[in-house]
Amino acid sequence: MGRVSDARERLLDAANELTSKLGYSGVTVDAICEQAGVKKGSFYHYFDSKASLSKAAIEEWWQTNSRPVLDKAFAADVPPLERIERYFDALYERQVARKQRGEPVLGCLGFSVAMEGAGVDQEVWEATQRVLQRKRRYFEAAIRDAKDAGVINVQDVETAVQAVYSLFEGASARARIQNSPEPLVGLYAQVLLLLGAAPQARVA
C-alpha cells in the first residue's frame, strides 16, 4: 500500500498561516501551494477554489487551535469568572511565546477574516461567523453562570456578553495592530468592572 498523502493537511495549515499574516484578500492559491509544497494540480484535487479551502481551513483552525483552548479554560467545573480569566491568560501566554520566537502577534483568525468585509467571499465570511458564534457561547455560559451565582451585577446577560466580547475583540485587534501582547494585560480586570463583579471576585 502506498504512503497516504498529507497534502490536504498541508494546504489547510498553509492557508491558515498565510491568511493569519496577510489577510484573506492578500493570499493566492499559488502562494498557498508554494507554502504547502503542493502542486497546483493537487490543490484542485482536494478543493475547487480558494474559498472552499478557506472554509475548510477555518473549521480546521477552530477544531485544532481555538476549541481546545476554550474547552480547557471554560471547563464547567471552573468558577464562572475564573473561566474568563484563564482564557485571557492563555491568550496572553500564547502571544508572548510568539514574540519570543520572533513571530508576529496574531489575533483570532475568524475575527480577522470577518473584518475584511467586502474582500471576503460570502461563504468564507459565513464560516467565520459560525466560528465566532461558537466562541461567543463560551463567554455567554460563563457570564450567565456568574449572574446565577450572584457574583456579578448585570441586568441582562445578552447585553453583558456583547459588551465583554466587544472589549475582548478590541483588545485582540489592538494587540495585532501594535504587534504586542500588552493590550491583553489588564483585560480581565476591565471585564470585572464592566460586569460589576462583587469585591471578593475582583480580589480573586
N, C-alpha and C. Protein backbone atom coordinates (compact mmCIF):
# COMPACT_ATOMS: atom_id res chain seq x y z
N MET A 1 0.85 -1.19 0.00
CA MET A 1 0.00 0.00 0.00
C MET A 1 0.89 1.24 0.00
N GLY A 2 0.56 2.22 -0.83
CA GLY A 2 1.35 3.43 -0.93
C GLY A 2 1.15 4.34 0.28
N ARG A 3 2.08 5.26 0.44
CA ARG A 3 2.01 6.21 1.56
C ARG A 3 0.83 7.16 1.38
N VAL A 4 0.09 7.36 2.45
CA VAL A 4 -1.06 8.27 2.41
C VAL A 4 -0.53 9.70 2.36
N SER A 5 -1.04 10.47 1.41
CA SER A 5 -0.58 11.84 1.25
C SER A 5 -1.14 12.73 2.35
N ASP A 6 -0.31 13.66 2.81
CA ASP A 6 -0.75 14.65 3.79
C ASP A 6 -0.93 16.02 3.14
N ALA A 7 -1.07 16.00 1.80
CA ALA A 7 -1.15 17.26 1.06
C ALA A 7 -2.33 18.11 1.50
N ARG A 8 -3.47 17.49 1.76
CA ARG A 8 -4.64 18.26 2.17
C ARG A 8 -4.37 18.99 3.48
N GLU A 9 -3.78 18.30 4.44
CA GLU A 9 -3.49 18.92 5.73
C GLU A 9 -2.48 20.05 5.58
N ARG A 10 -1.50 19.86 4.70
CA ARG A 10 -0.51 20.91 4.50
C ARG A 10 -1.14 22.13 3.84
N LEU A 11 -2.10 21.91 2.96
CA LEU A 11 -2.81 23.03 2.34
C LEU A 11 -3.63 23.80 3.39
N LEU A 12 -4.28 23.07 4.28
CA LEU A 12 -5.06 23.71 5.34
C LEU A 12 -4.16 24.54 6.24
N ASP A 13 -3.04 23.95 6.64
CA ASP A 13 -2.10 24.66 7.52
C ASP A 13 -1.54 25.90 6.83
N ALA A 14 -1.20 25.76 5.55
CA ALA A 14 -0.64 26.89 4.81
C ALA A 14 -1.66 28.01 4.65
N ALA A 15 -2.90 27.63 4.37
CA ALA A 15 -3.95 28.64 4.21
C ALA A 15 -4.15 29.42 5.50
N ASN A 16 -4.17 28.72 6.62
CA ASN A 16 -4.37 29.41 7.90
C ASN A 16 -3.18 30.29 8.26
N GLU A 17 -1.99 29.79 8.04
CA GLU A 17 -0.80 30.58 8.37
C GLU A 17 -0.72 31.85 7.53
N LEU A 18 -0.91 31.71 6.23
CA LEU A 18 -0.81 32.87 5.35
C LEU A 18 -1.96 33.84 5.56
N THR A 19 -3.17 33.32 5.77
CA THR A 19 -4.32 34.20 5.99
C THR A 19 -4.17 34.97 7.28
N SER A 20 -3.63 34.32 8.32
CA SER A 20 -3.41 35.00 9.61
C SER A 20 -2.46 36.17 9.44
N LYS A 21 -1.45 36.00 8.59
CA LYS A 21 -0.42 37.03 8.43
C LYS A 21 -0.80 38.09 7.41
N LEU A 22 -1.42 37.67 6.30
CA LEU A 22 -1.64 38.58 5.16
C LEU A 22 -3.09 38.96 4.93
N GLY A 23 -4.01 38.27 5.59
CA GLY A 23 -5.42 38.51 5.33
C GLY A 23 -5.92 37.65 4.19
N TYR A 24 -7.20 37.45 4.15
CA TYR A 24 -7.79 36.58 3.13
C TYR A 24 -7.54 37.11 1.73
N SER A 25 -7.74 38.40 1.54
CA SER A 25 -7.61 39.00 0.20
C SER A 25 -6.17 39.01 -0.29
N GLY A 26 -5.21 38.96 0.65
CA GLY A 26 -3.81 39.04 0.27
C GLY A 26 -3.17 37.70 -0.07
N VAL A 27 -3.96 36.64 0.01
CA VAL A 27 -3.42 35.30 -0.22
C VAL A 27 -3.96 34.71 -1.51
N THR A 28 -3.09 34.11 -2.30
CA THR A 28 -3.48 33.47 -3.55
C THR A 28 -3.32 31.96 -3.46
N VAL A 29 -3.97 31.27 -4.37
CA VAL A 29 -3.82 29.82 -4.44
C VAL A 29 -2.37 29.45 -4.69
N ASP A 30 -1.70 30.20 -5.56
CA ASP A 30 -0.29 29.93 -5.84
C ASP A 30 0.56 30.04 -4.58
N ALA A 31 0.31 31.06 -3.78
CA ALA A 31 1.08 31.26 -2.55
C ALA A 31 0.82 30.12 -1.56
N ILE A 32 -0.43 29.70 -1.47
CA ILE A 32 -0.78 28.60 -0.57
C ILE A 32 -0.08 27.32 -1.01
N CYS A 33 -0.10 27.04 -2.31
CA CYS A 33 0.56 25.84 -2.83
C CYS A 33 2.06 25.88 -2.57
N GLU A 34 2.66 27.04 -2.77
CA GLU A 34 4.10 27.17 -2.53
C GLU A 34 4.42 26.95 -1.05
N GLN A 35 3.63 27.56 -0.17
CA GLN A 35 3.85 27.41 1.26
C GLN A 35 3.70 25.94 1.69
N ALA A 36 2.72 25.27 1.10
CA ALA A 36 2.42 23.89 1.48
C ALA A 36 3.34 22.88 0.79
N GLY A 37 4.03 23.32 -0.27
CA GLY A 37 4.84 22.38 -1.04
C GLY A 37 3.98 21.42 -1.82
N VAL A 38 2.87 21.93 -2.33
CA VAL A 38 1.90 21.11 -3.06
C VAL A 38 1.70 21.70 -4.45
N LYS A 39 1.67 20.86 -5.47
CA LYS A 39 1.46 21.34 -6.83
C LYS A 39 0.02 21.82 -7.00
N LYS A 40 -0.14 22.77 -7.91
CA LYS A 40 -1.46 23.37 -8.09
C LYS A 40 -2.49 22.34 -8.53
N GLY A 41 -2.05 21.39 -9.34
CA GLY A 41 -2.97 20.34 -9.77
C GLY A 41 -3.50 19.54 -8.60
N SER A 42 -2.65 19.31 -7.62
CA SER A 42 -3.06 18.59 -6.43
C SER A 42 -4.04 19.42 -5.59
N PHE A 43 -3.81 20.74 -5.60
CA PHE A 43 -4.74 21.63 -4.87
C PHE A 43 -6.16 21.38 -5.35
N TYR A 44 -6.34 21.36 -6.67
CA TYR A 44 -7.69 21.22 -7.23
C TYR A 44 -8.22 19.80 -7.12
N HIS A 45 -7.38 18.88 -6.72
CA HIS A 45 -7.86 17.54 -6.42
C HIS A 45 -8.64 17.56 -5.11
N TYR A 46 -8.23 18.43 -4.18
CA TYR A 46 -8.86 18.49 -2.87
C TYR A 46 -9.90 19.61 -2.75
N PHE A 47 -9.67 20.72 -3.43
CA PHE A 47 -10.54 21.89 -3.29
C PHE A 47 -10.81 22.48 -4.66
N ASP A 48 -12.02 22.97 -4.86
CA ASP A 48 -12.35 23.52 -6.17
C ASP A 48 -12.10 25.02 -6.26
N SER A 49 -11.72 25.64 -5.14
CA SER A 49 -11.46 27.08 -5.15
C SER A 49 -10.75 27.48 -3.87
N LYS A 50 -10.23 28.70 -3.88
CA LYS A 50 -9.63 29.26 -2.66
C LYS A 50 -10.68 29.36 -1.56
N ALA A 51 -11.91 29.69 -1.93
CA ALA A 51 -12.97 29.83 -0.94
C ALA A 51 -13.28 28.50 -0.26
N SER A 52 -13.34 27.42 -1.04
CA SER A 52 -13.65 26.13 -0.44
C SER A 52 -12.53 25.67 0.49
N LEU A 53 -11.28 25.96 0.11
CA LEU A 53 -10.16 25.66 1.00
C LEU A 53 -10.26 26.49 2.27
N SER A 54 -10.55 27.76 2.13
CA SER A 54 -10.59 28.65 3.29
C SER A 54 -11.68 28.24 4.27
N LYS A 55 -12.83 27.83 3.76
CA LYS A 55 -13.90 27.34 4.64
C LYS A 55 -13.41 26.15 5.46
N ALA A 56 -12.78 25.20 4.78
CA ALA A 56 -12.27 24.01 5.47
C ALA A 56 -11.15 24.38 6.45
N ALA A 57 -10.32 25.35 6.06
CA ALA A 57 -9.20 25.76 6.91
C ALA A 57 -9.69 26.45 8.17
N ILE A 58 -10.72 27.26 8.06
CA ILE A 58 -11.27 27.94 9.23
C ILE A 58 -11.85 26.91 10.20
N GLU A 59 -12.53 25.91 9.68
CA GLU A 59 -13.07 24.86 10.54
C GLU A 59 -11.95 24.06 11.19
N GLU A 60 -10.90 23.79 10.43
CA GLU A 60 -9.75 23.08 10.96
C GLU A 60 -9.10 23.90 12.07
N TRP A 61 -8.95 25.19 11.85
CA TRP A 61 -8.37 26.08 12.86
C TRP A 61 -9.20 26.05 14.13
N TRP A 62 -10.52 26.07 13.98
CA TRP A 62 -11.39 26.03 15.14
C TRP A 62 -11.20 24.73 15.94
N GLN A 63 -11.20 23.60 15.24
CA GLN A 63 -11.14 22.31 15.90
C GLN A 63 -9.79 22.04 16.56
N THR A 64 -8.71 22.48 15.93
CA THR A 64 -7.38 22.12 16.43
C THR A 64 -6.68 23.24 17.21
N ASN A 65 -7.08 24.48 16.98
CA ASN A 65 -6.37 25.60 17.57
C ASN A 65 -7.19 26.33 18.64
N SER A 66 -8.40 26.68 18.29
CA SER A 66 -9.20 27.53 19.17
C SER A 66 -10.01 26.73 20.18
N ARG A 67 -10.74 25.73 19.72
CA ARG A 67 -11.64 25.00 20.61
C ARG A 67 -10.92 24.34 21.79
N PRO A 68 -9.76 23.69 21.60
CA PRO A 68 -9.10 23.06 22.75
C PRO A 68 -8.76 24.06 23.86
N VAL A 69 -8.34 25.26 23.49
CA VAL A 69 -8.01 26.29 24.48
C VAL A 69 -9.27 26.72 25.22
N LEU A 70 -10.35 26.92 24.48
CA LEU A 70 -11.61 27.33 25.08
C LEU A 70 -12.17 26.24 25.99
N ASP A 71 -12.15 25.00 25.53
CA ASP A 71 -12.68 23.89 26.34
C ASP A 71 -11.94 23.77 27.67
N LYS A 72 -10.64 23.95 27.63
CA LYS A 72 -9.85 23.85 28.85
C LYS A 72 -10.12 25.01 29.80
N ALA A 73 -10.13 26.22 29.27
CA ALA A 73 -10.32 27.41 30.11
C ALA A 73 -11.73 27.49 30.66
N PHE A 74 -12.72 27.14 29.85
CA PHE A 74 -14.12 27.31 30.23
C PHE A 74 -14.75 26.01 30.72
N ALA A 75 -13.96 25.12 31.29
CA ALA A 75 -14.49 23.87 31.82
C ALA A 75 -15.60 24.17 32.84
N ALA A 76 -16.65 23.34 32.81
CA ALA A 76 -17.83 23.61 33.64
C ALA A 76 -17.54 23.58 35.13
N ASP A 77 -16.50 22.85 35.55
CA ASP A 77 -16.20 22.76 36.98
C ASP A 77 -15.34 23.92 37.49
N VAL A 78 -15.00 24.84 36.60
CA VAL A 78 -14.22 26.03 36.97
C VAL A 78 -15.20 27.15 37.32
N PRO A 79 -14.96 27.91 38.39
CA PRO A 79 -15.84 29.04 38.72
C PRO A 79 -16.00 29.95 37.50
N PRO A 80 -17.21 30.49 37.28
CA PRO A 80 -17.51 31.18 36.02
C PRO A 80 -16.57 32.33 35.65
N LEU A 81 -16.25 33.20 36.60
CA LEU A 81 -15.36 34.31 36.26
C LEU A 81 -13.93 33.83 36.04
N GLU A 82 -13.54 32.80 36.74
CA GLU A 82 -12.19 32.25 36.57
C GLU A 82 -12.02 31.67 35.17
N ARG A 83 -13.11 31.20 34.57
CA ARG A 83 -13.03 30.68 33.20
C ARG A 83 -12.54 31.76 32.25
N ILE A 84 -13.12 32.95 32.40
CA ILE A 84 -12.72 34.07 31.54
C ILE A 84 -11.27 34.44 31.80
N GLU A 85 -10.89 34.49 33.07
CA GLU A 85 -9.52 34.83 33.43
C GLU A 85 -8.54 33.82 32.83
N ARG A 86 -8.87 32.54 32.93
CA ARG A 86 -7.98 31.50 32.39
C ARG A 86 -7.82 31.65 30.88
N TYR A 87 -8.90 31.98 30.21
CA TYR A 87 -8.82 32.12 28.75
C TYR A 87 -7.94 33.30 28.38
N PHE A 88 -8.12 34.43 29.04
CA PHE A 88 -7.30 35.60 28.75
C PHE A 88 -5.82 35.32 29.05
N ASP A 89 -5.57 34.61 30.15
CA ASP A 89 -4.19 34.26 30.48
C ASP A 89 -3.57 33.37 29.40
N ALA A 90 -4.34 32.41 28.90
CA ALA A 90 -3.84 31.51 27.86
C ALA A 90 -3.53 32.27 26.58
N LEU A 91 -4.41 33.22 26.23
CA LEU A 91 -4.16 34.02 25.03
C LEU A 91 -2.90 34.86 25.18
N TYR A 92 -2.75 35.47 26.34
CA TYR A 92 -1.57 36.31 26.58
C TYR A 92 -0.29 35.47 26.49
N GLU A 93 -0.30 34.33 27.13
CA GLU A 93 0.89 33.47 27.12
C GLU A 93 1.22 33.01 25.71
N ARG A 94 0.20 32.73 24.92
CA ARG A 94 0.44 32.29 23.54
C ARG A 94 1.08 33.41 22.72
N GLN A 95 0.60 34.63 22.91
CA GLN A 95 1.15 35.74 22.13
C GLN A 95 2.57 36.10 22.59
N VAL A 96 2.82 36.00 23.89
CA VAL A 96 4.18 36.23 24.40
C VAL A 96 5.13 35.20 23.79
N ALA A 97 4.69 33.96 23.72
CA ALA A 97 5.52 32.91 23.13
C ALA A 97 5.82 33.19 21.67
N ARG A 98 4.83 33.72 20.95
CA ARG A 98 5.05 34.08 19.54
C ARG A 98 6.12 35.16 19.42
N LYS A 99 6.01 36.18 20.25
CA LYS A 99 7.00 37.26 20.21
C LYS A 99 8.40 36.74 20.52
N GLN A 100 8.50 35.84 21.48
CA GLN A 100 9.80 35.29 21.85
C GLN A 100 10.40 34.47 20.72
N ARG A 101 9.55 33.90 19.88
CA ARG A 101 10.03 33.13 18.72
C ARG A 101 10.28 34.03 17.52
N GLY A 102 10.05 35.33 17.67
CA GLY A 102 10.23 36.26 16.57
C GLY A 102 9.09 36.26 15.58
N GLU A 103 7.92 35.75 16.00
CA GLU A 103 6.74 35.71 15.12
C GLU A 103 5.81 36.86 15.45
N PRO A 104 5.00 37.30 14.49
CA PRO A 104 4.08 38.41 14.76
C PRO A 104 2.95 38.00 15.69
N VAL A 105 2.43 38.97 16.42
CA VAL A 105 1.25 38.75 17.25
C VAL A 105 0.03 38.70 16.35
N LEU A 106 -0.74 37.64 16.49
CA LEU A 106 -1.91 37.46 15.65
C LEU A 106 -3.15 37.30 16.52
N GLY A 107 -4.25 37.87 16.07
CA GLY A 107 -5.50 37.73 16.81
C GLY A 107 -6.28 36.53 16.32
N CYS A 108 -7.56 36.52 16.63
CA CYS A 108 -8.45 35.44 16.21
C CYS A 108 -8.56 35.41 14.69
N LEU A 109 -8.30 34.25 14.09
CA LEU A 109 -8.35 34.14 12.63
C LEU A 109 -9.74 34.48 12.10
N GLY A 110 -10.78 33.92 12.74
CA GLY A 110 -12.14 34.19 12.27
C GLY A 110 -12.48 35.66 12.32
N PHE A 111 -12.10 36.33 13.40
CA PHE A 111 -12.38 37.76 13.55
C PHE A 111 -11.61 38.55 12.50
N SER A 112 -10.35 38.19 12.28
CA SER A 112 -9.52 38.92 11.31
C SER A 112 -10.09 38.82 9.90
N VAL A 113 -10.52 37.62 9.53
CA VAL A 113 -11.09 37.43 8.20
C VAL A 113 -12.41 38.16 8.07
N ALA A 114 -13.25 38.05 9.09
CA ALA A 114 -14.56 38.71 9.04
C ALA A 114 -14.42 40.22 8.90
N MET A 115 -13.38 40.80 9.50
CA MET A 115 -13.16 42.24 9.45
C MET A 115 -12.84 42.75 8.05
N GLU A 116 -12.41 41.86 7.17
CA GLU A 116 -12.08 42.30 5.81
C GLU A 116 -13.32 42.67 4.99
N GLY A 117 -14.46 42.19 5.42
CA GLY A 117 -15.71 42.60 4.80
C GLY A 117 -15.85 42.22 3.34
N ALA A 118 -15.97 43.24 2.47
CA ALA A 118 -16.28 43.01 1.06
C ALA A 118 -15.22 42.21 0.32
N GLY A 119 -14.01 42.16 0.86
CA GLY A 119 -12.95 41.41 0.18
C GLY A 119 -13.01 39.92 0.41
N VAL A 120 -13.97 39.46 1.21
CA VAL A 120 -14.07 38.04 1.56
C VAL A 120 -15.27 37.42 0.85
N ASP A 121 -15.05 36.23 0.28
CA ASP A 121 -16.16 35.51 -0.35
C ASP A 121 -17.25 35.25 0.68
N GLN A 122 -18.50 35.32 0.24
CA GLN A 122 -19.63 35.20 1.16
C GLN A 122 -19.59 33.91 1.97
N GLU A 123 -19.29 32.80 1.31
CA GLU A 123 -19.28 31.51 2.02
C GLU A 123 -18.19 31.47 3.08
N VAL A 124 -17.08 32.14 2.83
CA VAL A 124 -15.99 32.19 3.82
C VAL A 124 -16.40 33.10 4.97
N TRP A 125 -16.99 34.22 4.67
CA TRP A 125 -17.47 35.14 5.71
C TRP A 125 -18.47 34.43 6.62
N GLU A 126 -19.36 33.66 6.03
CA GLU A 126 -20.35 32.93 6.82
C GLU A 126 -19.68 31.89 7.72
N ALA A 127 -18.62 31.27 7.22
CA ALA A 127 -17.87 30.30 8.03
C ALA A 127 -17.24 30.99 9.25
N THR A 128 -16.74 32.20 9.05
CA THR A 128 -16.15 32.92 10.19
C THR A 128 -17.22 33.27 11.21
N GLN A 129 -18.41 33.61 10.75
CA GLN A 129 -19.49 33.95 11.68
C GLN A 129 -19.88 32.76 12.54
N ARG A 130 -19.90 31.57 11.94
CA ARG A 130 -20.23 30.38 12.71
C ARG A 130 -19.19 30.13 13.80
N VAL A 131 -17.93 30.30 13.46
CA VAL A 131 -16.86 30.10 14.42
C VAL A 131 -16.94 31.13 15.54
N LEU A 132 -17.16 32.37 15.19
CA LEU A 132 -17.24 33.43 16.20
C LEU A 132 -18.43 33.23 17.13
N GLN A 133 -19.52 32.73 16.59
CA GLN A 133 -20.69 32.45 17.43
C GLN A 133 -20.40 31.33 18.42
N ARG A 134 -19.67 30.32 17.97
CA ARG A 134 -19.30 29.24 18.89
C ARG A 134 -18.46 29.77 20.04
N LYS A 135 -17.48 30.61 19.71
CA LYS A 135 -16.62 31.18 20.75
C LYS A 135 -17.44 32.03 21.71
N ARG A 136 -18.34 32.79 21.17
CA ARG A 136 -19.15 33.69 21.98
C ARG A 136 -19.98 32.92 23.01
N ARG A 137 -20.39 31.71 22.66
CA ARG A 137 -21.23 30.92 23.57
C ARG A 137 -20.49 30.55 24.86
N TYR A 138 -19.18 30.41 24.78
CA TYR A 138 -18.40 30.13 25.99
C TYR A 138 -18.51 31.31 26.96
N PHE A 139 -18.37 32.52 26.42
CA PHE A 139 -18.50 33.72 27.25
C PHE A 139 -19.92 33.82 27.81
N GLU A 140 -20.90 33.53 26.98
CA GLU A 140 -22.29 33.62 27.41
C GLU A 140 -22.57 32.67 28.58
N ALA A 141 -22.08 31.43 28.48
CA ALA A 141 -22.32 30.46 29.55
C ALA A 141 -21.65 30.91 30.85
N ALA A 142 -20.42 31.44 30.74
CA ALA A 142 -19.69 31.88 31.93
C ALA A 142 -20.40 33.05 32.60
N ILE A 143 -20.84 34.01 31.80
CA ILE A 143 -21.49 35.20 32.36
C ILE A 143 -22.86 34.85 32.93
N ARG A 144 -23.57 33.95 32.27
CA ARG A 144 -24.87 33.52 32.79
C ARG A 144 -24.70 32.80 34.14
N ASP A 145 -23.69 31.93 34.20
CA ASP A 145 -23.43 31.21 35.45
C ASP A 145 -23.00 32.17 36.56
N ALA A 146 -22.22 33.19 36.19
CA ALA A 146 -21.77 34.18 37.18
C ALA A 146 -22.96 34.97 37.72
N LYS A 147 -23.90 35.30 36.84
CA LYS A 147 -25.10 36.02 37.28
C LYS A 147 -25.93 35.14 38.21
N ASP A 148 -26.09 33.88 37.84
CA ASP A 148 -26.87 32.96 38.67
C ASP A 148 -26.22 32.76 40.04
N ALA A 149 -24.87 32.83 40.07
CA ALA A 149 -24.14 32.67 41.33
C ALA A 149 -24.12 33.95 42.16
N GLY A 150 -24.59 35.04 41.58
CA GLY A 150 -24.66 36.30 42.31
C GLY A 150 -23.33 37.01 42.48
N VAL A 151 -22.35 36.70 41.60
CA VAL A 151 -21.03 37.33 41.75
C VAL A 151 -20.83 38.50 40.78
N ILE A 152 -21.81 38.77 39.95
CA ILE A 152 -21.75 39.94 39.08
C ILE A 152 -23.09 40.67 39.17
N ASN A 153 -23.08 41.92 38.75
CA ASN A 153 -24.29 42.74 38.81
C ASN A 153 -24.63 43.24 37.42
N VAL A 154 -25.39 42.43 36.69
CA VAL A 154 -25.84 42.82 35.34
C VAL A 154 -27.34 42.58 35.26
N GLN A 155 -28.01 43.43 34.51
CA GLN A 155 -29.45 43.28 34.35
C GLN A 155 -29.80 42.29 33.25
N ASP A 156 -29.02 42.33 32.19
CA ASP A 156 -29.34 41.50 31.03
C ASP A 156 -28.07 40.76 30.58
N VAL A 157 -28.12 39.45 30.56
CA VAL A 157 -26.95 38.65 30.22
C VAL A 157 -26.50 38.92 28.78
N GLU A 158 -27.43 39.00 27.86
CA GLU A 158 -27.08 39.18 26.45
C GLU A 158 -26.33 40.50 26.25
N THR A 159 -26.79 41.56 26.88
CA THR A 159 -26.12 42.85 26.77
C THR A 159 -24.72 42.78 27.38
N ALA A 160 -24.60 42.09 28.51
CA ALA A 160 -23.30 41.95 29.16
C ALA A 160 -22.33 41.15 28.30
N VAL A 161 -22.83 40.08 27.68
CA VAL A 161 -21.99 39.27 26.80
C VAL A 161 -21.49 40.11 25.64
N GLN A 162 -22.37 40.90 25.06
CA GLN A 162 -21.99 41.74 23.92
C GLN A 162 -20.90 42.73 24.34
N ALA A 163 -21.03 43.32 25.51
CA ALA A 163 -20.05 44.30 25.99
C ALA A 163 -18.70 43.63 26.25
N VAL A 164 -18.72 42.48 26.91
CA VAL A 164 -17.47 41.78 27.22
C VAL A 164 -16.79 41.29 25.95
N TYR A 165 -17.58 40.75 25.04
CA TYR A 165 -16.99 40.22 23.81
C TYR A 165 -16.43 41.35 22.95
N SER A 166 -17.08 42.48 22.95
CA SER A 166 -16.56 43.63 22.20
C SER A 166 -15.25 44.12 22.81
N LEU A 167 -15.17 44.12 24.13
CA LEU A 167 -13.94 44.51 24.81
C LEU A 167 -12.81 43.55 24.45
N PHE A 168 -13.12 42.27 24.46
CA PHE A 168 -12.15 41.24 24.12
C PHE A 168 -11.67 41.38 22.67
N GLU A 169 -12.59 41.55 21.74
CA GLU A 169 -12.22 41.70 20.33
C GLU A 169 -11.37 42.94 20.12
N GLY A 170 -11.74 44.03 20.80
CA GLY A 170 -10.97 45.27 20.65
C GLY A 170 -9.54 45.12 21.14
N ALA A 171 -9.37 44.45 22.28
CA ALA A 171 -8.02 44.24 22.82
C ALA A 171 -7.21 43.34 21.88
N SER A 172 -7.86 42.33 21.33
CA SER A 172 -7.17 41.42 20.39
C SER A 172 -6.75 42.17 19.13
N ALA A 173 -7.63 43.05 18.65
CA ALA A 173 -7.29 43.83 17.46
C ALA A 173 -6.13 44.78 17.73
N ARG A 174 -6.12 45.42 18.90
CA ARG A 174 -5.02 46.32 19.24
C ARG A 174 -3.70 45.57 19.37
N ALA A 175 -3.77 44.37 19.93
CA ALA A 175 -2.56 43.56 20.07
C ALA A 175 -1.96 43.26 18.70
N ARG A 176 -2.82 42.96 17.75
CA ARG A 176 -2.33 42.66 16.41
C ARG A 176 -1.79 43.92 15.74
N ILE A 177 -2.51 45.02 15.85
CA ILE A 177 -2.08 46.28 15.21
C ILE A 177 -0.74 46.74 15.77
N GLN A 178 -0.57 46.62 17.08
CA GLN A 178 0.66 47.05 17.74
C GLN A 178 1.74 45.98 17.71
N ASN A 179 1.38 44.79 17.25
CA ASN A 179 2.30 43.65 17.26
C ASN A 179 2.90 43.46 18.65
N SER A 180 2.01 43.48 19.63
CA SER A 180 2.42 43.37 21.03
C SER A 180 1.31 42.72 21.83
N PRO A 181 1.64 41.85 22.77
CA PRO A 181 0.61 41.25 23.63
C PRO A 181 0.14 42.19 24.74
N GLU A 182 0.77 43.34 24.89
CA GLU A 182 0.47 44.21 26.02
C GLU A 182 -0.98 44.69 26.11
N PRO A 183 -1.68 44.93 24.97
CA PRO A 183 -3.10 45.31 25.10
C PRO A 183 -3.96 44.27 25.80
N LEU A 184 -3.45 43.04 25.93
CA LEU A 184 -4.20 41.99 26.62
C LEU A 184 -4.00 42.05 28.13
N VAL A 185 -2.99 42.81 28.58
CA VAL A 185 -2.72 42.93 30.01
C VAL A 185 -3.84 43.76 30.66
N GLY A 186 -4.36 43.28 31.77
CA GLY A 186 -5.41 44.01 32.47
C GLY A 186 -6.79 43.83 31.89
N LEU A 187 -6.92 43.00 30.87
CA LEU A 187 -8.22 42.81 30.23
C LEU A 187 -9.24 42.19 31.19
N TYR A 188 -8.79 41.24 31.98
CA TYR A 188 -9.71 40.58 32.92
C TYR A 188 -10.22 41.58 33.96
N ALA A 189 -9.35 42.44 34.46
CA ALA A 189 -9.77 43.44 35.43
C ALA A 189 -10.82 44.37 34.84
N GLN A 190 -10.67 44.71 33.57
CA GLN A 190 -11.66 45.56 32.90
C GLN A 190 -13.00 44.84 32.80
N VAL A 191 -12.96 43.54 32.53
CA VAL A 191 -14.19 42.75 32.44
C VAL A 191 -14.91 42.71 33.78
N LEU A 192 -14.16 42.54 34.86
CA LEU A 192 -14.77 42.51 36.19
C LEU A 192 -15.50 43.82 36.50
N LEU A 193 -14.86 44.93 36.15
CA LEU A 193 -15.50 46.23 36.36
C LEU A 193 -16.74 46.37 35.49
N LEU A 194 -16.64 45.92 34.25
CA LEU A 194 -17.75 46.01 33.31
C LEU A 194 -18.95 45.21 33.80
N LEU A 195 -18.68 44.07 34.44
CA LEU A 195 -19.75 43.19 34.91
C LEU A 195 -20.22 43.54 36.32
N GLY A 196 -19.58 44.52 36.94
CA GLY A 196 -19.95 44.86 38.30
C GLY A 196 -19.71 43.71 39.25
N ALA A 197 -18.55 43.06 39.10
CA ALA A 197 -18.23 41.89 39.91
C ALA A 197 -18.17 42.25 41.39
N ALA A 198 -18.58 41.32 42.22
CA ALA A 198 -18.51 41.51 43.66
C ALA A 198 -17.06 41.70 44.08
N PRO A 199 -16.81 42.50 45.13
CA PRO A 199 -15.43 42.77 45.56
C PRO A 199 -14.57 41.53 45.74
N GLN A 200 -15.15 40.44 46.33
CA GLN A 200 -14.35 39.24 46.54
C GLN A 200 -13.97 38.59 45.22
N ALA A 201 -14.81 38.74 44.20
CA ALA A 201 -14.49 38.19 42.88
C ALA A 201 -13.37 39.00 42.25
N ARG A 202 -13.34 40.29 42.50
CA ARG A 202 -12.28 41.12 41.93
C ARG A 202 -10.94 40.79 42.56
N VAL A 203 -10.95 40.54 43.84
CA VAL A 203 -9.70 40.18 44.52
C VAL A 203 -9.15 38.88 43.98
N ALA A 204 -10.05 37.91 43.76
CA ALA A 204 -9.61 36.60 43.24
C ALA A 204 -8.99 36.76 41.89
